[in-house]
Amino acid sequence: MKILLDLSKHCIETEAKRIYEKSLTQYFKAPDSKRPELEEKIEGLRNFLEYSDFNHLRSNHPALAGTEGGEAVLHLLGRDLFEIEIGRQLLQAAGKRASMIRTFF
């Protein structure tokens, strides 16, 4: 699942929390047919918030600190596996680390 993150006014952690809270609200108002997708999104965001080392992400990748503006895409790959796409870079994160960076051409 892919989630667009607006980092123009705040950091990646704050944006993920904002989307998580918004998704929870939507879940309780949604028809039954929309709930499975929202459940997947909520669970993925909850895991991302729980397992990510946001201090590391913000300090090593200024774009994620919300000081440079822009957008990122969060790819939810599994319980504690995530990728964060920033421009032409892809950060691969697992558990409490985010280390490998690949650049797209």
Foldseek 3Di string as FASTA:
>chain_A
DKDKFWLQAFAQLVRLVVVLVVLVVCLVVDDPVCNVVSVVSNQLSVLCNVFEQRVVCCVVPVSRGSPVTDMWMWDRDDNFWIWIGDPQWIWTGGGHDTDDIDGHD
